[in-house]
Amino acid sequence: MLDQTSAPLLEAIQARSHKTDAPFYAPGHKRGGGIDPELAQWWGLPVFAADLPELPELDNLFAPTGAIAQAQELAAAAFKADRTWFLANGSTAGVIAAILATCGHGDKIILPRNIHKSAVSGLIISGAVPVFLTPETLPDWDIPLCITPEAVAAALQSHPDAKAVLVVSPNYHGICGDIAGIAQVAHQHGIPLLVDEAHGPHFGFHPHLPPRAIEVGADIAVHSTHKVLGAMTQASMLHLRQGMIEPQRVNQALELVQSTSPSYLLLASLDVARRQMALGGYELMSKTLALAAVARSSLASSRTQIPTLEPPEQWTPSFAGFDPTRLTVKVTDFGLTGYEADELLQKMGVTAELPSWGHMTFIISLGNTPADIQQLVHSFSQLASVSPAPRPPVPQSPRLPVSPSPPPRRRCQREALRRGSPLARPRVGVASAKRLGGGPPCPPPSPLPREAFFAAREVVPAEAAVGRISTEIVCPYPPGIPVLMPGEIISQEAIDFLHQVRSLGGDITGCDPDLQNFSVVR
């Protein structure tokens, strides 16, 4: 029986940090002796005494046999997995590793088009062929839902040679997919289900929260432990349910994407975050859920009845669960965009996680207090009272541009060869649950994300980029969902989308920040 009251990695680091020696090992600050005095005074020397490398007493992240191995075993038990790996490079490393562990060059993977940019990085590194599904959008909120078991089944019927399915659940707004149903479909076809569960590491610790993906059929679940639990920023975990994926493949994939000098401060924070939840997760989540309930009821009962995102009366395949600790508030009734409301709320002492076009999302976690909720509700009441009226209507939320369903692969190849294209293999492209075959006349062949990323490139003005193949991952951040990715044909719609996001106050990453030029395949 594992002892969840222990924190073996934390204890090993504490013991080693108190040991005196002449340090001729990294890091260069030598246990704080070389740190700038201002930083040492602010953070305190004990932090730097614990900033240690892979010393014999501290185990090795890539070949653990001691404290790290014990800490990961305890985490697997706490999160109901067969194996758990600590991630010092965030969930980005976990998502990439999950793809690398299941897909090689030319292998197909089924996934939603509204994936995080980390999954695109996984496609580039692995050379996998994306079969994109387009999820439905929640009416009146312009929030994408989750892909459904029916859509996955249809995609697998058209692409029976796919090697894996990847889904995002929950999304940024707390909306969950039917993981059990998708897992059943994937397993019937003999392939694993990978779940980007970055926003759901607290799931399963309370009956009013959705179940863990790993407990309802996922083969890999990636958690951003730092997002909602008590770990430091960038500290994450990858959980495995054994049977469909070889653990050694995960080990090898993680060695490609994790630093060989992982921060033991981050790793120790994962160890204690696990202990905190294993011992008191129910109580901590009870308090967090109560705070979220107060926020919702207070906003709903305010004079202006401020609307918040709520679950449907009946679950649907695309909205099969909901995280009540994730608070999304619509601000268009104030005549404001989410970006404008964010600026006003920050002046009132409230900072959101995700401002968007017509709404704002707030993470309520175990670190929040009743005073935080009171300040949030009070600030929204002030916002409602000072909002100018009347105002021109808020621009409609920009739509993520979606390519048409691809024509049959062989026909595209024949057409590409007839044209003499050096990139004769088409990207599988975007599919939808309702339309997975056929399609319009054959478009210009577009390469895989990996091929486009490594292709010879040139930078051209925006007007000349239309119709050309992108080499960049271009996306508003947050939430980090790409509008363009390597291998996609740049459309005027995509450029207009990016300009609208920028005009509304959003940040664009991955390209010229002024959107005047784009990198394209030469």
Protein backbone atom coordinates (compact mmCIF):
# COMPACT_ATOMS: atom_id res chain seq x y z
CA MET A 1 0.00 0.00 0.00
CA LEU A 2 1.46 3.33 -1.06
CA ASP A 3 1.82 6.06 1.55
CA GLN A 4 0.20 9.17 0.10
CA THR A 5 1.29 11.22 3.12
CA SER A 6 4.89 11.07 1.91
CA ALA A 7 6.53 13.31 -0.67
CA PRO A 8 9.69 11.38 -1.57
CA LEU A 9 11.10 13.85 -4.08
CA LEU A 10 10.45 16.86 -1.89
CA GLU A 11 12.04 15.08 1.04
CA ALA A 12 15.10 14.10 -1.00
CA ILE A 13 15.60 17.67 -2.24
CA GLN A 14 15.16 19.08 1.26
CA ALA A 15 17.76 16.70 2.65
CA ARG A 16 20.25 17.40 -0.14
CA SER A 17 19.79 21.19 0.07
CA HIS A 18 20.84 21.11 3.73
CA LYS A 19 24.00 19.16 2.95
CA THR A 20 27.15 21.27 2.80
CA ASP A 21 29.72 20.67 0.10
CA ALA A 22 32.09 22.44 -2.29
CA PRO A 23 29.74 22.55 -5.33
CA PHE A 24 31.58 22.00 -8.59
CA TYR A 25 28.36 21.08 -10.42
CA ALA A 26 25.66 23.08 -12.19
CA PRO A 27 23.86 25.42 -11.87
CA GLY A 28 26.36 28.24 -11.92
CA HIS A 29 24.86 30.20 -9.03
CA LYS A 30 26.14 27.40 -6.71
CA ARG A 31 23.19 27.04 -4.32
CA GLY A 32 22.54 30.78 -4.34
CA GLY A 33 26.06 32.06 -3.77
CA GLY A 34 26.23 33.68 -7.17
CA ILE A 35 22.69 34.97 -7.43
CA ASP A 36 22.10 38.69 -7.82
CA PRO A 37 21.44 40.11 -4.32
CA GLU A 38 18.13 41.72 -5.33
CA LEU A 39 16.73 38.40 -6.54
CA ALA A 40 18.15 36.56 -3.52
CA GLN A 41 16.49 39.02 -1.16
CA TRP A 42 13.16 38.77 -2.97
CA TRP A 43 12.97 34.98 -3.32
CA GLY A 44 15.10 33.93 -0.38
CA LEU A 45 18.22 31.77 -0.45
CA PRO A 46 16.44 28.46 0.36
CA VAL A 47 14.92 28.49 -3.13
CA PHE A 48 18.36 28.55 -4.71
CA ALA A 49 19.74 25.96 -2.30
CA ALA A 50 17.02 23.63 -3.63
CA ASP A 51 17.75 24.46 -7.28
CA LEU A 52 19.83 21.34 -7.80
CA PRO A 53 20.78 19.12 -10.78
CA GLU A 54 20.56 15.34 -11.20
CA LEU A 55 22.71 14.51 -8.18
CA PRO A 56 22.84 10.83 -7.14
CA GLU A 57 20.47 11.37 -4.22
CA LEU A 58 17.88 13.10 -6.43
CA ASP A 59 17.35 10.45 -9.11
CA ASN A 60 17.16 11.04 -12.87
CA LEU A 61 13.95 12.02 -14.66
CA PHE A 62 14.79 9.91 -17.73
CA ALA A 63 15.88 6.77 -15.87
CA PRO A 64 14.21 7.03 -12.47
CA THR A 65 14.88 4.40 -9.83
CA GLY A 66 14.72 6.43 -6.62
CA ALA A 67 12.83 9.50 -5.41
CA ILE A 68 11.40 10.47 -8.81
CA ALA A 69 10.25 6.91 -9.49
CA GLN A 70 8.54 6.79 -6.10
CA ALA A 71 6.90 10.19 -6.63
CA GLN A 72 5.60 9.20 -10.06
CA GLU A 73 4.23 5.94 -8.69
CA LEU A 74 2.35 7.85 -5.99
CA ALA A 75 0.99 10.23 -8.63
CA ALA A 76 -0.22 7.34 -10.79
CA ALA A 77 -2.15 5.96 -7.82
CA ALA A 78 -3.63 9.35 -6.93
CA PHE A 79 -4.78 10.07 -10.49
CA LYS A 80 -5.90 6.45 -11.16
CA ALA A 81 -3.36 5.76 -13.91
CA ASP A 82 -1.13 2.75 -14.52
CA ARG A 83 1.91 4.93 -15.17
CA THR A 84 2.61 8.63 -14.66
CA TRP A 85 5.45 10.79 -15.92
CA PHE A 86 6.38 14.20 -14.51
CA LEU A 87 6.72 16.93 -17.15
CA ALA A 88 9.02 19.90 -16.62
CA ASN A 89 8.26 21.33 -20.09
CA GLY A 90 4.53 21.72 -19.56
CA SER A 91 1.63 19.94 -21.19
CA THR A 92 3.08 20.98 -24.54
CA ALA A 93 5.74 18.29 -24.06
CA GLY A 94 3.08 15.78 -23.03
CA VAL A 95 0.85 16.37 -26.05
CA ILE A 96 3.79 16.16 -28.45
CA ALA A 97 5.06 12.99 -26.76
CA ALA A 98 1.60 11.38 -26.94
CA ILE A 99 1.54 11.90 -30.70
CA LEU A 100 5.13 10.70 -31.11
CA ALA A 101 4.40 7.56 -29.08
CA THR A 102 1.52 6.56 -31.34
CA CYS A 103 2.18 8.01 -34.81
CA GLY A 104 5.13 7.97 -37.17
CA HIS A 105 5.76 9.71 -40.46
CA GLY A 106 2.78 9.26 -42.76
CA ASP A 107 0.51 7.78 -40.09
CA LYS A 108 -2.95 9.32 -39.84
CA ILE A 109 -4.32 10.77 -36.61
CA ILE A 110 -7.91 11.94 -36.11
CA LEU A 111 -8.25 15.15 -34.13
CA PRO A 112 -10.33 18.34 -33.89
CA ARG A 113 -9.32 21.36 -35.95
CA ASN A 114 -9.50 23.58 -32.84
CA ILE A 115 -6.52 21.86 -31.25
CA HIS A 116 -3.89 23.64 -29.20
CA LYS A 117 -0.76 24.67 -31.09
CA SER A 118 1.21 22.00 -29.18
CA ALA A 119 -0.62 19.33 -31.18
CA VAL A 120 0.46 21.04 -34.40
CA SER A 121 4.03 20.87 -33.12
CA GLY A 122 3.45 17.15 -32.58
CA LEU A 123 2.30 16.78 -36.18
CA ILE A 124 5.39 18.59 -37.43
CA ILE A 125 7.85 16.58 -35.35
CA SER A 126 6.21 13.21 -35.99
CA GLY A 127 5.29 13.73 -39.63
CA ALA A 128 1.79 12.42 -38.88
CA VAL A 129 -1.07 13.11 -41.28
CA PRO A 130 -3.94 15.04 -39.65
CA VAL A 131 -7.55 14.08 -40.31
CA PHE A 132 -9.29 17.13 -38.90
CA LEU A 133 -12.85 17.11 -37.56
CA THR A 134 -14.75 20.36 -37.10
CA PRO A 135 -16.74 20.49 -33.85
CA GLU A 136 -20.09 22.18 -33.50
CA THR A 137 -20.30 25.67 -32.01
CA LEU A 138 -22.43 26.57 -28.99
CA PRO A 139 -25.16 28.95 -30.17
CA ASP A 140 -25.13 32.50 -28.72
CA TRP A 141 -21.67 31.98 -27.25
CA ASP A 142 -19.47 31.25 -30.27
CA ILE A 143 -17.64 28.62 -28.23
CA PRO A 144 -16.57 25.38 -29.93
CA LEU A 145 -17.91 22.18 -28.43
CA CYS A 146 -16.22 18.78 -28.56
CA ILE A 147 -16.01 16.27 -31.38
CA THR A 148 -18.47 13.40 -31.00
CA PRO A 149 -18.23 9.60 -31.07
CA GLU A 150 -20.37 9.65 -34.23
CA ALA A 151 -17.95 12.00 -35.99
CA VAL A 152 -14.96 9.90 -34.93
CA ALA A 153 -16.68 6.73 -36.14
CA ALA A 154 -17.42 8.32 -39.50
CA ALA A 155 -13.83 9.51 -39.82
CA LEU A 156 -12.53 6.04 -39.03
CA GLN A 157 -14.83 4.56 -41.65
CA SER A 158 -13.23 6.87 -44.22
CA HIS A 159 -9.74 6.47 -42.77
CA PRO A 160 -9.54 2.94 -41.32
CA ASP A 161 -5.74 3.11 -41.36
CA ALA A 162 -5.64 5.88 -38.72
CA LYS A 163 -3.28 5.12 -35.84
CA ALA A 164 -4.77 7.26 -33.04
CA VAL A 165 -7.51 9.68 -32.02
CA LEU A 166 -6.74 12.86 -30.08
CA VAL A 167 -9.38 14.98 -28.38
CA VAL A 168 -9.38 18.11 -26.22
CA SER A 169 -11.53 17.71 -23.10
CA PRO A 170 -12.27 19.86 -21.21
CA ASN A 171 -11.81 22.88 -23.40
CA TYR A 172 -10.80 26.28 -22.05
CA HIS A 173 -14.40 26.95 -21.01
CA GLY A 174 -14.88 23.71 -19.06
CA ILE A 175 -16.93 21.89 -21.72
CA CYS A 176 -16.21 18.15 -21.86
CA GLY A 177 -16.66 15.60 -24.60
CA ASP A 178 -18.03 12.07 -24.46
CA ILE A 179 -14.68 10.49 -23.66
CA ALA A 180 -16.15 7.08 -22.85
CA GLY A 181 -18.01 7.00 -26.17
CA ILE A 182 -15.01 8.12 -28.22
CA ALA A 183 -12.77 5.62 -26.40
CA GLN A 184 -15.15 2.82 -27.26
CA VAL A 185 -15.12 3.79 -30.94
CA ALA A 186 -11.32 4.09 -31.02
CA HIS A 187 -10.79 0.78 -29.24
CA GLN A 188 -13.21 -1.01 -31.56
CA HIS A 189 -10.85 0.00 -34.35
CA GLY A 190 -7.83 -1.11 -32.34
CA ILE A 191 -6.30 2.33 -31.87
CA PRO A 192 -5.64 4.42 -28.74
CA LEU A 193 -7.38 7.56 -27.53
CA LEU A 194 -5.19 10.49 -26.47
CA VAL A 195 -6.80 13.23 -24.40
CA ASP A 196 -5.46 16.73 -23.96
CA GLU A 197 -6.94 17.12 -20.47
CA ALA A 198 -4.71 20.07 -19.61
CA HIS A 199 -7.52 21.94 -17.87
CA GLY A 200 -8.85 18.92 -15.96
CA PRO A 201 -6.27 17.63 -13.43
CA HIS A 202 -8.79 18.25 -10.62
CA PHE A 203 -11.38 15.97 -12.21
CA GLY A 204 -12.31 12.90 -10.22
CA PHE A 205 -11.59 14.39 -6.80
CA HIS A 206 -15.25 15.34 -6.23
CA PRO A 207 -18.51 13.79 -7.48
CA HIS A 208 -19.68 17.18 -8.81
CA LEU A 209 -16.73 17.30 -11.18
CA PRO A 210 -16.48 15.32 -14.43
CA PRO A 211 -14.71 11.94 -14.33
CA ARG A 212 -11.06 11.61 -15.25
CA ALA A 213 -10.46 10.74 -18.89
CA ILE A 214 -8.08 7.95 -17.90
CA GLU A 215 -10.84 6.30 -15.83
CA VAL A 216 -13.40 6.23 -18.65
CA GLY A 217 -11.23 4.82 -21.40
CA ALA A 218 -8.49 7.27 -22.45
CA ASP A 219 -5.13 5.61 -23.05
CA ILE A 220 -3.14 8.81 -22.41
CA ALA A 221 -4.27 11.92 -20.56
CA VAL A 222 -2.07 15.00 -20.29
CA HIS A 223 -2.59 17.31 -17.30
CA SER A 224 -1.43 20.88 -16.78
CA THR A 225 -1.17 20.33 -13.04
CA HIS A 226 -0.07 23.93 -12.60
CA LYS A 227 -3.23 25.36 -14.18
CA VAL A 228 -5.68 24.45 -11.42
CA LEU A 229 -3.76 22.59 -8.71
CA GLY A 230 -0.88 23.54 -6.42
CA ALA A 231 2.08 23.03 -8.77
CA MET A 232 4.37 25.68 -10.20
CA THR A 233 3.90 27.08 -13.69
CA GLN A 234 5.08 24.65 -16.39
CA ALA A 235 4.79 21.60 -14.08
CA SER A 236 2.55 18.97 -15.69
CA MET A 237 1.93 15.23 -15.85
CA LEU A 238 1.30 12.56 -18.47
CA HIS A 239 -0.87 9.61 -17.37
CA LEU A 240 -1.00 6.24 -19.14
CA ARG A 241 -3.54 3.44 -19.10
CA GLN A 242 -1.57 0.41 -20.16
CA GLY A 243 -2.65 -1.95 -22.90
CA MET A 244 -2.73 0.06 -26.13
CA ILE A 245 0.54 2.04 -25.87
CA GLU A 246 3.96 0.71 -24.88
CA PRO A 247 5.39 2.67 -21.91
CA GLN A 248 8.83 2.56 -23.51
CA ARG A 249 7.49 4.48 -26.51
CA VAL A 250 6.33 7.18 -24.12
CA ASN A 251 9.74 7.20 -22.43
CA GLN A 252 11.52 7.62 -25.74
CA ALA A 253 9.14 10.33 -26.92
CA LEU A 254 9.55 12.33 -23.72
CA GLU A 255 13.33 12.18 -24.03
CA LEU A 256 12.96 14.05 -27.33
CA VAL A 257 10.89 16.91 -25.94
CA GLN A 258 11.92 17.34 -22.29
CA SER A 259 14.94 19.28 -21.11
CA THR A 260 17.90 17.18 -20.03
CA SER A 261 18.25 19.67 -17.16
CA PRO A 262 14.75 19.62 -15.65
CA SER A 263 14.02 22.00 -12.79
CA TYR A 264 13.81 20.07 -9.54
CA LEU A 265 11.78 22.94 -8.13
CA LEU A 266 9.07 22.15 -10.70
CA LEU A 267 9.33 18.41 -10.10
CA ALA A 268 9.06 18.87 -6.32
CA SER A 269 5.95 21.01 -6.80
CA LEU A 270 4.34 18.14 -8.71
CA ASP A 271 5.13 15.77 -5.85
CA VAL A 272 3.50 18.00 -3.22
CA ALA A 273 0.56 18.92 -5.49
CA ARG A 274 -0.16 15.19 -5.74
CA ARG A 275 0.08 14.77 -1.95
CA GLN A 276 -2.18 17.74 -1.37
CA MET A 277 -4.91 16.31 -3.59
CA ALA A 278 -4.49 12.69 -2.48
CA LEU A 279 -4.98 13.67 1.16
CA GLY A 280 -7.43 16.55 0.90
CA GLY A 281 -8.69 16.71 -2.66
CA TYR A 282 -12.35 16.28 -1.79
CA GLU A 283 -12.32 19.03 0.82
CA LEU A 284 -10.33 21.40 -1.40
CA MET A 285 -12.65 20.82 -4.36
CA SER A 286 -15.72 21.23 -2.13
CA LYS A 287 -14.49 24.70 -1.16
CA THR A 288 -13.64 25.53 -4.76
CA LEU A 289 -17.03 24.40 -6.03
CA ALA A 290 -18.73 26.44 -3.31
CA LEU A 291 -16.83 29.56 -4.37
CA ALA A 292 -17.81 28.99 -7.99
CA ALA A 293 -21.45 28.53 -7.00
CA VAL A 294 -21.40 31.82 -5.09
CA ALA A 295 -19.93 33.60 -8.10
CA ARG A 296 -22.56 32.21 -10.45
CA SER A 297 -25.53 32.88 -8.20
CA SER A 298 -24.33 36.39 -7.35
CA LEU A 299 -23.85 37.33 -11.00
CA ALA A 300 -27.22 35.84 -11.95
CA SER A 301 -29.06 37.62 -9.14
CA SER A 302 -27.42 40.99 -9.72
CA ARG A 303 -29.50 43.88 -10.98
CA THR A 304 -28.31 43.31 -14.55
CA GLN A 305 -28.50 39.46 -14.35
CA ILE A 306 -25.06 38.94 -15.87
CA PRO A 307 -25.14 35.77 -18.04
CA THR A 308 -22.69 32.95 -17.37
CA LEU A 309 -22.04 29.79 -19.38
CA GLU A 310 -24.04 26.91 -17.89
CA PRO A 311 -24.43 23.23 -18.82
CA PRO A 312 -27.41 22.17 -20.95
CA GLU A 313 -30.51 20.65 -19.40
CA GLN A 314 -29.52 17.38 -21.05
CA TRP A 315 -26.03 16.28 -21.97
CA THR A 316 -25.28 15.88 -25.67
CA PRO A 317 -22.44 14.01 -27.42
CA SER A 318 -20.67 17.34 -28.04
CA PHE A 319 -21.41 18.76 -24.57
CA ALA A 320 -21.22 15.69 -22.36
CA GLY A 321 -19.87 17.24 -19.18
CA PHE A 322 -19.03 20.56 -17.57
CA ASP A 323 -16.52 21.87 -15.07
CA PRO A 324 -18.45 24.24 -12.76
CA THR A 325 -15.22 25.76 -11.45
CA ARG A 326 -14.63 27.36 -14.87
CA LEU A 327 -16.60 30.64 -15.05
CA THR A 328 -17.30 32.17 -18.46
CA VAL A 329 -19.17 35.48 -18.45
CA LYS A 330 -20.80 37.10 -21.47
CA VAL A 331 -20.05 40.82 -21.75
CA THR A 332 -21.68 41.77 -25.03
CA ASP A 333 -24.76 42.98 -23.14
CA PHE A 334 -22.54 45.74 -21.77
CA GLY A 335 -21.69 46.84 -25.31
CA LEU A 336 -18.11 45.66 -24.76
CA THR A 337 -15.80 43.06 -26.18
CA GLY A 338 -14.09 40.73 -23.76
CA TYR A 339 -10.81 42.55 -24.42
CA GLU A 340 -12.32 45.92 -23.52
CA ALA A 341 -13.99 44.48 -20.42
CA ASP A 342 -10.68 42.93 -19.41
CA GLU A 343 -8.94 46.31 -19.44
CA LEU A 344 -11.68 47.83 -17.28
CA LEU A 345 -11.72 44.92 -14.82
CA GLN A 346 -7.96 45.03 -14.41
CA LYS A 347 -8.26 48.65 -13.31
CA MET A 348 -10.73 47.37 -10.68
CA GLY A 349 -8.28 44.74 -9.44
CA VAL A 350 -9.68 41.66 -11.25
CA THR A 351 -7.70 39.74 -13.88
CA ALA A 352 -9.29 37.11 -16.11
CA GLU A 353 -7.62 34.01 -17.51
CA LEU A 354 -9.04 34.38 -21.03
CA PRO A 355 -10.63 37.49 -22.51
CA SER A 356 -12.24 36.79 -25.86
CA TRP A 357 -14.51 38.55 -28.35
CA GLY A 358 -17.80 38.41 -26.50
CA HIS A 359 -16.96 36.81 -23.17
CA MET A 360 -14.32 36.29 -20.49
CA THR A 361 -13.25 33.12 -18.72
CA PHE A 362 -12.08 32.93 -15.10
CA ILE A 363 -10.34 29.97 -13.45
CA ILE A 364 -11.65 29.39 -9.92
CA SER A 365 -9.26 27.05 -8.13
CA LEU A 366 -8.13 25.87 -4.72
CA GLY A 367 -6.04 29.04 -4.41
CA ASN A 368 -8.98 31.45 -4.61
CA THR A 369 -10.68 33.00 -1.57
CA PRO A 370 -14.14 34.35 -0.76
CA ALA A 371 -12.61 37.83 -1.00
CA ASP A 372 -11.60 37.09 -4.61
CA ILE A 373 -15.17 36.13 -5.49
CA GLN A 374 -16.55 39.20 -3.76
CA GLN A 375 -14.18 41.41 -5.73
CA LEU A 376 -15.14 39.68 -8.98
CA VAL A 377 -18.88 40.13 -8.42
CA HIS A 378 -18.48 43.72 -7.23
CA SER A 379 -16.35 44.62 -10.24
CA PHE A 380 -18.89 43.18 -12.67
CA SER A 381 -21.62 45.19 -10.96
CA GLN A 382 -19.51 48.29 -11.44
CA LEU A 383 -18.86 47.34 -15.04
CA ALA A 384 -22.58 47.03 -15.67
CA SER A 385 -23.27 50.43 -14.13
CA VAL A 386 -20.56 52.34 -16.02
CA SER A 387 -20.93 50.69 -19.42
CA PRO A 388 -21.82 53.33 -22.01
CA ALA A 389 -25.26 52.97 -23.56
CA PRO A 390 -26.33 52.99 -26.24
CA ARG A 391 -23.29 51.70 -28.12
CA PRO A 392 -22.82 50.19 -31.55
CA PRO A 393 -23.24 46.42 -31.44
CA VAL A 394 -20.13 44.42 -30.64
CA PRO A 395 -18.68 42.87 -33.81
CA GLN A 396 -19.61 39.24 -34.28
CA SER A 397 -17.00 36.81 -33.06
CA PRO A 398 -14.62 35.97 -35.91
CA ARG A 399 -15.07 32.48 -37.28
CA LEU A 400 -12.13 30.11 -37.47
CA PRO A 401 -11.64 29.54 -41.22
CA VAL A 402 -12.14 25.93 -42.21
CA SER A 403 -10.95 24.30 -45.41
CA PRO A 404 -13.43 22.20 -47.42
CA SER A 405 -13.45 18.45 -47.08
CA PRO A 406 -10.61 16.92 -49.09
CA PRO A 407 -11.16 15.11 -52.37
CA PRO A 408 -10.09 11.48 -52.54
CA ARG A 409 -6.38 11.06 -51.89
CA ARG A 410 -5.55 9.20 -55.11
CA ARG A 411 -7.31 11.74 -57.28
CA CYS A 412 -5.37 14.57 -55.65
CA GLN A 413 -2.13 12.72 -56.19
CA ARG A 414 -2.93 12.16 -59.87
CA GLU A 415 -3.79 15.84 -60.24
CA ALA A 416 -0.61 16.90 -58.46
CA LEU A 417 1.54 14.69 -60.64
CA ARG A 418 -0.20 16.03 -63.75
CA ARG A 419 0.69 19.56 -62.61
CA GLY A 420 4.26 18.49 -61.88
CA SER A 421 4.05 19.61 -58.25
CA PRO A 422 7.07 18.74 -56.08
CA LEU A 423 4.64 18.35 -53.17
CA ALA A 424 2.49 15.69 -54.75
CA ARG A 425 1.17 14.15 -51.53
CA PRO A 426 -1.88 16.07 -50.29
CA ARG A 427 -2.63 16.77 -46.67
CA VAL A 428 -5.64 14.76 -45.54
CA GLY A 429 -7.25 18.02 -44.46
CA VAL A 430 -10.42 18.95 -42.65
CA ALA A 431 -13.37 16.62 -42.37
CA SER A 432 -16.71 17.07 -40.68
CA ALA A 433 -19.12 14.69 -39.03
CA LYS A 434 -21.67 15.30 -41.76
CA ARG A 435 -19.38 15.34 -44.79
CA LEU A 436 -16.32 13.14 -44.87
CA GLY A 437 -16.02 12.13 -48.50
CA GLY A 438 -16.30 13.68 -51.94
CA GLY A 439 -15.75 17.42 -51.89
CA PRO A 440 -15.17 20.17 -54.39
CA PRO A 441 -12.83 20.05 -57.40
CA CYS A 442 -9.31 19.10 -56.40
CA PRO A 443 -7.57 22.04 -54.66
CA PRO A 444 -3.87 22.72 -55.12
CA PRO A 445 -2.05 19.92 -53.30
CA SER A 446 -0.88 21.01 -49.85
CA PRO A 447 1.93 19.26 -47.98
CA LEU A 448 1.86 17.73 -44.55
CA PRO A 449 2.56 20.10 -41.64
CA ARG A 450 6.08 18.66 -41.34
CA GLU A 451 6.84 19.03 -45.06
CA ALA A 452 5.62 22.62 -45.15
CA PHE A 453 7.51 23.53 -41.98
CA PHE A 454 10.81 22.31 -43.41
CA ALA A 455 10.20 23.44 -46.99
CA ALA A 456 12.09 26.30 -48.61
CA ARG A 457 10.21 29.46 -47.70
CA GLU A 458 9.86 33.11 -48.49
CA VAL A 459 8.15 36.06 -46.80
CA VAL A 460 5.56 37.85 -48.93
CA PRO A 461 3.08 40.68 -48.32
CA ALA A 462 -0.33 39.65 -47.01
CA GLU A 463 -2.09 40.30 -50.33
CA ALA A 464 0.39 38.04 -52.12
CA ALA A 465 0.08 35.30 -49.48
CA VAL A 466 -3.52 34.45 -50.37
CA GLY A 467 -3.58 31.08 -52.11
CA ARG A 468 -0.06 30.23 -50.94
CA ILE A 469 0.92 27.48 -48.47
CA SER A 470 1.68 28.63 -44.93
CA THR A 471 4.86 27.61 -43.13
CA GLU A 472 3.84 29.20 -39.80
CA ILE A 473 1.69 28.33 -36.78
CA VAL A 474 -0.38 31.50 -36.51
CA CYS A 475 -2.85 31.85 -33.68
CA PRO A 476 -4.44 34.20 -31.16
CA TYR A 477 -2.92 33.49 -27.75
CA PRO A 478 -4.56 32.61 -25.48
CA PRO A 479 -6.22 30.22 -26.22
CA GLY A 480 -3.55 29.10 -28.68
CA ILE A 481 -5.82 27.56 -31.34
CA PRO A 482 -4.09 28.00 -34.73
CA VAL A 483 -5.83 29.94 -37.47
CA LEU A 484 -3.09 28.86 -39.87
CA MET A 485 -0.65 26.00 -39.64
CA PRO A 486 2.14 24.74 -41.88
CA GLY A 487 0.65 23.03 -44.92
CA GLU A 488 -2.60 24.99 -45.01
CA ILE A 489 -3.48 27.28 -47.87
CA ILE A 490 -3.79 30.89 -46.70
CA SER A 491 -7.20 32.34 -47.49
CA GLN A 492 -8.41 35.92 -47.42
CA GLU A 493 -10.89 34.76 -44.80
CA ALA A 494 -8.05 33.69 -42.51
CA ILE A 495 -6.23 37.00 -42.92
CA ASP A 496 -9.46 38.94 -42.28
CA PHE A 497 -10.04 36.78 -39.19
CA LEU A 498 -6.61 37.64 -37.81
CA HIS A 499 -7.07 41.35 -38.46
CA GLN A 500 -10.41 41.28 -36.69
CA VAL A 501 -8.92 39.53 -33.68
CA ARG A 502 -6.15 42.12 -33.54
CA SER A 503 -8.58 45.04 -33.94
CA LEU A 504 -10.61 43.73 -31.01
CA GLY A 505 -7.54 43.70 -28.77
CA GLY A 506 -6.25 40.14 -29.14
CA ASP A 507 -2.61 39.11 -29.49
CA ILE A 508 -1.42 37.12 -32.51
CA THR A 509 1.58 34.81 -32.24
CA GLY A 510 3.69 32.96 -34.80
CA CYS A 511 3.87 35.59 -37.53
CA ASP A 512 4.53 39.24 -38.28
CA PRO A 513 2.67 40.91 -35.37
CA ASP A 514 1.39 43.63 -37.73
CA LEU A 515 0.02 40.98 -40.13
CA GLN A 516 1.66 42.73 -43.06
CA ASN A 517 3.73 39.74 -44.17
CA PHE A 518 3.42 35.95 -44.07
CA SER A 519 5.93 33.13 -44.52
CA VAL A 520 4.93 30.75 -47.30
CA VAL A 521 6.38 27.77 -49.13
CA ARG A 522 8.57 29.00 -51.98
